[in-house]
Amino acid sequence: MRENLSTLRRPSDIINDMFRYAFHAASSAVADAPKAAAFLAAHAEAAAAEAAAAALLDGARS
C-alpha cells in the first residue's frame, strides 16, 4: 500500500509555507495598488463626464 506523502512534513513547515505565500500575495497587492487606483480614477472620470453629458441632453430636451 502506498503511503500518504502529505503527512511527512512537520506542521511548522506548513505554517512557514502559508506565511511565505501570504506575504508574497500582500506585497503583490501593494505593488498593484497604484495601477488599480489609476484605473479606478480613469473610470470615475469617464463616468462623471458621461453623467454631465446626459444632464446636458436632459436639459436640452426640457
PDB file of N, CA and C in Angstrom:
ATOM      1  N   MET A   1       0.844  -1.181   0.000  1.00  0.00           N
ATOM      2  CA  MET A   1       0.000   0.000   0.000  1.00  0.00           C
ATOM      3  C   MET A   1       0.889   1.245   0.000  1.00  0.00           C
ATOM      4  N   ARG A   2       0.472   2.237  -0.736  1.00  0.00           N
ATOM      5  CA  ARG A   2       1.252   3.462  -0.867  1.00  0.00           C
ATOM      6  C   ARG A   2       1.013   4.395   0.317  1.00  0.00           C
ATOM      7  N   GLU A   3       2.073   5.000   0.806  1.00  0.00           N
ATOM      8  CA  GLU A   3       1.968   5.887   1.962  1.00  0.00           C
ATOM      9  C   GLU A   3       1.543   7.289   1.517  1.00  0.00           C
ATOM     10  N   ASN A   4       0.781   7.952   2.365  1.00  0.00           N
ATOM     11  CA  ASN A   4       0.344   9.330   2.094  1.00  0.00           C
ATOM     12  C   ASN A   4       1.521  10.267   2.330  1.00  0.00           C
ATOM     13  N   LEU A   5       2.036  10.867   1.267  1.00  0.00           N
ATOM     14  CA  LEU A   5       3.239  11.701   1.373  1.00  0.00           C
ATOM     15  C   LEU A   5       2.943  13.078   1.956  1.00  0.00           C
ATOM     16  N   SER A   6       1.680  13.479   2.001  1.00  0.00           N
ATOM     17  CA  SER A   6       1.373  14.806   2.518  1.00  0.00           C
ATOM     18  C   SER A   6       1.565  14.899   4.020  1.00  0.00           C
ATOM     19  N   THR A   7       1.660  13.785   4.709  1.00  0.00           N
ATOM     20  CA  THR A   7       1.826  13.806   6.163  1.00  0.00           C
ATOM     21  C   THR A   7       3.284  13.750   6.589  1.00  0.00           C
ATOM     22  N   LEU A   8       4.205  13.744   5.652  1.00  0.00           N
ATOM     23  CA  LEU A   8       5.616  13.636   6.006  1.00  0.00           C
ATOM     24  C   LEU A   8       6.222  14.962   6.461  1.00  0.00           C
ATOM     25  N   ARG A   9       5.519  16.049   6.245  1.00  0.00           N
ATOM     26  CA  ARG A   9       6.060  17.348   6.629  1.00  0.00           C
ATOM     27  C   ARG A   9       5.665  17.697   8.050  1.00  0.00           C
ATOM     28  N   ARG A  10       6.500  18.497   8.673  1.00  0.00           N
ATOM     29  CA  ARG A  10       6.187  18.971  10.025  1.00  0.00           C
ATOM     30  C   ARG A  10       5.154  20.087   9.935  1.00  0.00           C
ATOM     31  N   PRO A  11       4.326  20.246  10.951  1.00  0.00           N
ATOM     32  CA  PRO A  11       3.348  21.345  10.940  1.00  0.00           C
ATOM     33  C   PRO A  11       4.003  22.715  10.799  1.00  0.00           C
ATOM     34  N   SER A  12       5.174  22.900  11.367  1.00  0.00           N
ATOM     35  CA  SER A  12       5.845  24.202  11.258  1.00  0.00           C
ATOM     36  C   SER A  12       6.244  24.491   9.803  1.00  0.00           C
ATOM     37  N   ASP A  13       6.563  23.458   9.033  1.00  0.00           N
ATOM     38  CA  ASP A  13       6.866  23.671   7.608  1.00  0.00           C
ATOM     39  C   ASP A  13       5.646  24.172   6.863  1.00  0.00           C
ATOM     40  N   ILE A  14       4.495  23.622   7.193  1.00  0.00           N
ATOM     41  CA  ILE A  14       3.255  24.029   6.533  1.00  0.00           C
ATOM     42  C   ILE A  14       2.931  25.478   6.884  1.00  0.00           C
ATOM     43  N   ILE A  15       3.095  25.843   8.143  1.00  0.00           N
ATOM     44  CA  ILE A  15       2.831  27.224   8.577  1.00  0.00           C
ATOM     45  C   ILE A  15       3.806  28.180   7.901  1.00  0.00           C
ATOM     46  N   ASN A  16       5.067  27.801   7.804  1.00  0.00           N
ATOM     47  CA  ASN A  16       6.053  28.645   7.124  1.00  0.00           C
ATOM     48  C   ASN A  16       5.663  28.888   5.677  1.00  0.00           C
ATOM     49  N   ASP A  17       5.190  27.844   4.992  1.00  0.00           N
ATOM     50  CA  ASP A  17       4.749  27.996   3.603  1.00  0.00           C
ATOM     51  C   ASP A  17       3.562  28.942   3.509  1.00  0.00           C
ATOM     52  N   MET A  18       2.623  28.817   4.436  1.00  0.00           N
ATOM     53  CA  MET A  18       1.448  29.697   4.399  1.00  0.00           C
ATOM     54  C   MET A  18       1.863  31.159   4.583  1.00  0.00           C
ATOM     55  N   PHE A  19       2.782  31.431   5.511  1.00  0.00           N
ATOM     56  CA  PHE A  19       3.244  32.802   5.708  1.00  0.00           C
ATOM     57  C   PHE A  19       3.988  33.314   4.481  1.00  0.00           C
ATOM     58  N   ARG A  20       4.801  32.455   3.868  1.00  0.00           N
ATOM     59  CA  ARG A  20       5.546  32.873   2.680  1.00  0.00           C
ATOM     60  C   ARG A  20       4.581  33.285   1.573  1.00  0.00           C
ATOM     61  N   TYR A  21       3.561  32.489   1.338  1.00  0.00           N
ATOM     62  CA  TYR A  21       2.611  32.825   0.280  1.00  0.00           C
ATOM     63  C   TYR A  21       1.756  34.026   0.656  1.00  0.00           C
ATOM     64  N   ALA A  22       1.416  34.171   1.932  1.00  0.00           N
ATOM     65  CA  ALA A  22       0.615  35.317   2.365  1.00  0.00           C
ATOM     66  C   ALA A  22       1.390  36.614   2.163  1.00  0.00           C
ATOM     67  N   PHE A  23       2.661  36.630   2.525  1.00  0.00           N
ATOM     68  CA  PHE A  23       3.452  37.847   2.354  1.00  0.00           C
ATOM     69  C   PHE A  23       3.705  38.137   0.875  1.00  0.00           C
ATOM     70  N   HIS A  24       3.851  37.102   0.083  1.00  0.00           N
ATOM     71  CA  HIS A  24       4.018  37.308  -1.358  1.00  0.00           C
ATOM     72  C   HIS A  24       2.749  37.927  -1.945  1.00  0.00           C
ATOM     73  N   ALA A  25       1.589  37.431  -1.549  1.00  0.00           N
ATOM     74  CA  ALA A  25       0.327  37.976  -2.053  1.00  0.00           C
ATOM     75  C   ALA A  25       0.139  39.418  -1.593  1.00  0.00           C
ATOM     76  N   ALA A  26       0.498  39.700  -0.345  1.00  0.00           N
ATOM     77  CA  ALA A  26       0.346  41.063   0.173  1.00  0.00           C
ATOM     78  C   ALA A  26       1.281  42.030  -0.546  1.00  0.00           C
ATOM     79  N   SER A  27       2.504  41.627  -0.788  1.00  0.00           N
ATOM     80  CA  SER A  27       3.437  42.530  -1.470  1.00  0.00           C
ATOM     81  C   SER A  27       3.007  42.733  -2.924  1.00  0.00           C
ATOM     82  N   SER A  28       2.429  41.720  -3.526  1.00  0.00           N
ATOM     83  CA  SER A  28       1.928  41.862  -4.889  1.00  0.00           C
ATOM     84  C   SER A  28       0.748  42.832  -4.923  1.00  0.00           C
ATOM     85  N   ALA A  29      -0.118  42.754  -3.927  1.00  0.00           N
ATOM     86  CA  ALA A  29      -1.267  43.663  -3.869  1.00  0.00           C
ATOM     87  C   ALA A  29      -0.811  45.104  -3.664  1.00  0.00           C
ATOM     88  N   VAL A  30       0.204  45.308  -2.837  1.00  0.00           N
ATOM     89  CA  VAL A  30       0.729  46.655  -2.603  1.00  0.00           C
ATOM     90  C   VAL A  30       1.368  47.196  -3.884  1.00  0.00           C
ATOM     91  N   ALA A  31       2.055  46.340  -4.613  1.00  0.00           N
ATOM     92  CA  ALA A  31       2.701  46.775  -5.856  1.00  0.00           C
ATOM     93  C   ALA A  31       1.666  47.132  -6.919  1.00  0.00           C
ATOM     94  N   ASP A  32       0.525  46.446  -6.920  1.00  0.00           N
ATOM     95  CA  ASP A  32      -0.508  46.693  -7.929  1.00  0.00           C
ATOM     96  C   ASP A  32      -1.466  47.822  -7.536  1.00  0.00           C
ATOM     97  N   ALA A  33      -1.409  48.306  -6.321  1.00  0.00           N
ATOM     98  CA  ALA A  33      -2.355  49.324  -5.851  1.00  0.00           C
ATOM     99  C   ALA A  33      -2.322  50.605  -6.681  1.00  0.00           C
ATOM    100  N   PRO A  34      -1.164  51.153  -7.033  1.00  0.00           N
ATOM    101  CA  PRO A  34      -1.178  52.383  -7.846  1.00  0.00           C
ATOM    102  C   PRO A  34      -1.823  52.180  -9.212  1.00  0.00           C
ATOM    103  N   LYS A  35      -1.598  51.007  -9.822  1.00  0.00           N
ATOM    104  CA  LYS A  35      -2.224  50.734 -11.120  1.00  0.00           C
ATOM    105  C   LYS A  35      -3.734  50.645 -10.980  1.00  0.00           C
ATOM    106  N   ALA A  36      -4.189  50.011  -9.912  1.00  0.00           N
ATOM    107  CA  ALA A  36      -5.628  49.881  -9.680  1.00  0.00           C
ATOM    108  C   ALA A  36      -6.248  51.245  -9.400  1.00  0.00           C
ATOM    109  N   ALA A  37      -5.554  52.076  -8.645  1.00  0.00           N
ATOM    110  CA  ALA A  37      -6.076  53.409  -8.342  1.00  0.00           C
ATOM    111  C   ALA A  37      -6.185  54.251  -9.610  1.00  0.00           C
ATOM    112  N   ALA A  38      -5.201  54.168 -10.474  1.00  0.00           N
ATOM    113  CA  ALA A  38      -5.245  54.922 -11.737  1.00  0.00           C
ATOM    114  C   ALA A  38      -6.386  54.420 -12.618  1.00  0.00           C
ATOM    115  N   PHE A  39      -6.588  53.120 -12.645  1.00  0.00           N
ATOM    116  CA  PHE A  39      -7.678  52.533 -13.424  1.00  0.00           C
ATOM    117  C   PHE A  39      -9.028  53.019 -12.898  1.00  0.00           C
ATOM    118  N   LEU A  40      -9.206  52.986 -11.580  1.00  0.00           N
ATOM    119  CA  LEU A  40     -10.477  53.428 -10.988  1.00  0.00           C
ATOM    120  C   LEU A  40     -10.697  54.919 -11.194  1.00  0.00           C
ATOM    121  N   ALA A  41      -9.646  55.709 -11.077  1.00  0.00           N
ATOM    122  CA  ALA A  41      -9.776  57.155 -11.273  1.00  0.00           C
ATOM    123  C   ALA A  41     -10.164  57.468 -12.718  1.00  0.00           C
ATOM    124  N   ALA A  42      -9.588  56.761 -13.666  1.00  0.00           N
ATOM    125  CA  ALA A  42      -9.915  56.992 -15.070  1.00  0.00           C
ATOM    126  C   ALA A  42     -11.362  56.638 -15.350  1.00  0.00           C
ATOM    127  N   HIS A  43     -11.826  55.552 -14.776  1.00  0.00           N
ATOM    128  CA  HIS A  43     -13.207  55.154 -14.996  1.00  0.00           C
ATOM    129  C   HIS A  43     -14.181  56.073 -14.266  1.00  0.00           C
ATOM    130  N   ALA A  44     -13.801  56.574 -13.115  1.00  0.00           N
ATOM    131  CA  ALA A  44     -14.665  57.513 -12.394  1.00  0.00           C
ATOM    132  C   ALA A  44     -14.776  58.820 -13.178  1.00  0.00           C
ATOM    133  N   GLU A  45     -13.672  59.251 -13.748  1.00  0.00           N
ATOM    134  CA  GLU A  45     -13.683  60.474 -14.555  1.00  0.00           C
ATOM    135  C   GLU A  45     -14.559  60.298 -15.791  1.00  0.00           C
ATOM    136  N   ALA A  46     -14.461  59.133 -16.434  1.00  0.00           N
ATOM    137  CA  ALA A  46     -15.288  58.858 -17.615  1.00  0.00           C
ATOM    138  C   ALA A  46     -16.766  58.799 -17.239  1.00  0.00           C
ATOM    139  N   ALA A  47     -17.083  58.213 -16.095  1.00  0.00           N
ATOM    140  CA  ALA A  47     -18.470  58.125 -15.657  1.00  0.00           C
ATOM    141  C   ALA A  47     -19.016  59.514 -15.333  1.00  0.00           C
ATOM    142  N   ALA A  48     -18.186  60.373 -14.734  1.00  0.00           N
ATOM    143  CA  ALA A  48     -18.620  61.735 -14.428  1.00  0.00           C
ATOM    144  C   ALA A  48     -18.866  62.521 -15.712  1.00  0.00           C
ATOM    145  N   ALA A  49     -18.017  62.349 -16.711  1.00  0.00           N
ATOM    146  CA  ALA A  49     -18.202  63.038 -17.990  1.00  0.00           C
ATOM    147  C   ALA A  49     -19.467  62.547 -18.684  1.00  0.00           C
ATOM    148  N   GLU A  50     -19.721  61.257 -18.595  1.00  0.00           N
ATOM    149  CA  GLU A  50     -20.938  60.699 -19.188  1.00  0.00           C
ATOM    150  C   GLU A  50     -22.183  61.232 -18.484  1.00  0.00           C
ATOM    151  N   ALA A  51     -22.138  61.354 -17.168  1.00  0.00           N
ATOM    152  CA  ALA A  51     -23.266  61.890 -16.416  1.00  0.00           C
ATOM    153  C   ALA A  51     -23.496  63.359 -16.754  1.00  0.00           C
ATOM    154  N   ALA A  52     -22.414  64.110 -16.927  1.00  0.00           N
ATOM    155  CA  ALA A  52     -22.550  65.523 -17.290  1.00  0.00           C
ATOM    156  C   ALA A  52     -23.155  65.663 -18.680  1.00  0.00           C
ATOM    157  N   ALA A  53     -22.746  64.810 -19.599  1.00  0.00           N
ATOM    158  CA  ALA A  53     -23.305  64.845 -20.948  1.00  0.00           C
ATOM    159  C   ALA A  53     -24.780  64.478 -20.929  1.00  0.00           C
ATOM    160  N   ALA A  54     -25.154  63.518 -20.123  1.00  0.00           N
ATOM    161  CA  ALA A  54     -26.560  63.124 -20.009  1.00  0.00           C
ATOM    162  C   ALA A  54     -27.379  64.260 -19.415  1.00  0.00           C
ATOM    163  N   ALA A  55     -26.816  64.961 -18.442  1.00  0.00           N
ATOM    164  CA  ALA A  55     -27.518  66.105 -17.841  1.00  0.00           C
ATOM    165  C   ALA A  55     -27.720  67.214 -18.860  1.00  0.00           C
ATOM    166  N   LEU A  56     -26.716  67.451 -19.717  1.00  0.00           N
ATOM    167  CA  LEU A  56     -26.861  68.465 -20.761  1.00  0.00           C
ATOM    168  C   LEU A  56     -27.958  68.076 -21.738  1.00  0.00           C
ATOM    169  N   LEU A  57     -27.994  66.817 -22.108  1.00  0.00           N
ATOM    170  CA  LEU A  57     -29.025  66.351 -23.028  1.00  0.00           C
ATOM    171  C   LEU A  57     -30.420  66.445 -22.393  1.00  0.00           C
ATOM    172  N   ASP A  58     -30.506  66.099 -21.122  1.00  0.00           N
ATOM    173  CA  ASP A  58     -31.795  66.202 -20.429  1.00  0.00           C
ATOM    174  C   ASP A  58     -32.235  67.655 -20.337  1.00  0.00           C
ATOM    175  N   GLY A  59     -31.294  68.553 -20.115  1.00  0.00           N
ATOM    176  CA  GLY A  59     -31.620  69.987 -20.043  1.00  0.00           C
ATOM    177  C   GLY A  59     -32.045  70.517 -21.400  1.00  0.00           C
ATOM    178  N   ALA A  60     -31.438  70.023 -22.461  1.00  0.00           N
ATOM    179  CA  ALA A  60     -31.781  70.485 -23.804  1.00  0.00           C
ATOM    180  C   ALA A  60     -33.147  69.988 -24.220  1.00  0.00           C
ATOM    181  N   ARG A  61     -33.576  68.848 -23.694  1.00  0.00           N
ATOM    182  CA  ARG A  61     -34.867  68.280 -24.054  1.00  0.00           C
ATOM    183  C   ARG A  61     -36.025  68.993 -23.361  1.00  0.00           C
ATOM    184  N   SER A  62     -35.759  69.566 -22.192  1.00  0.00           N
ATOM    185  CA  SER A  62     -36.873  70.166 -21.458  1.00  0.00           C
ATOM    186  C   SER A  62     -37.088  71.627 -21.760  1.00  0.00           C
TER     187      SER A  62
END
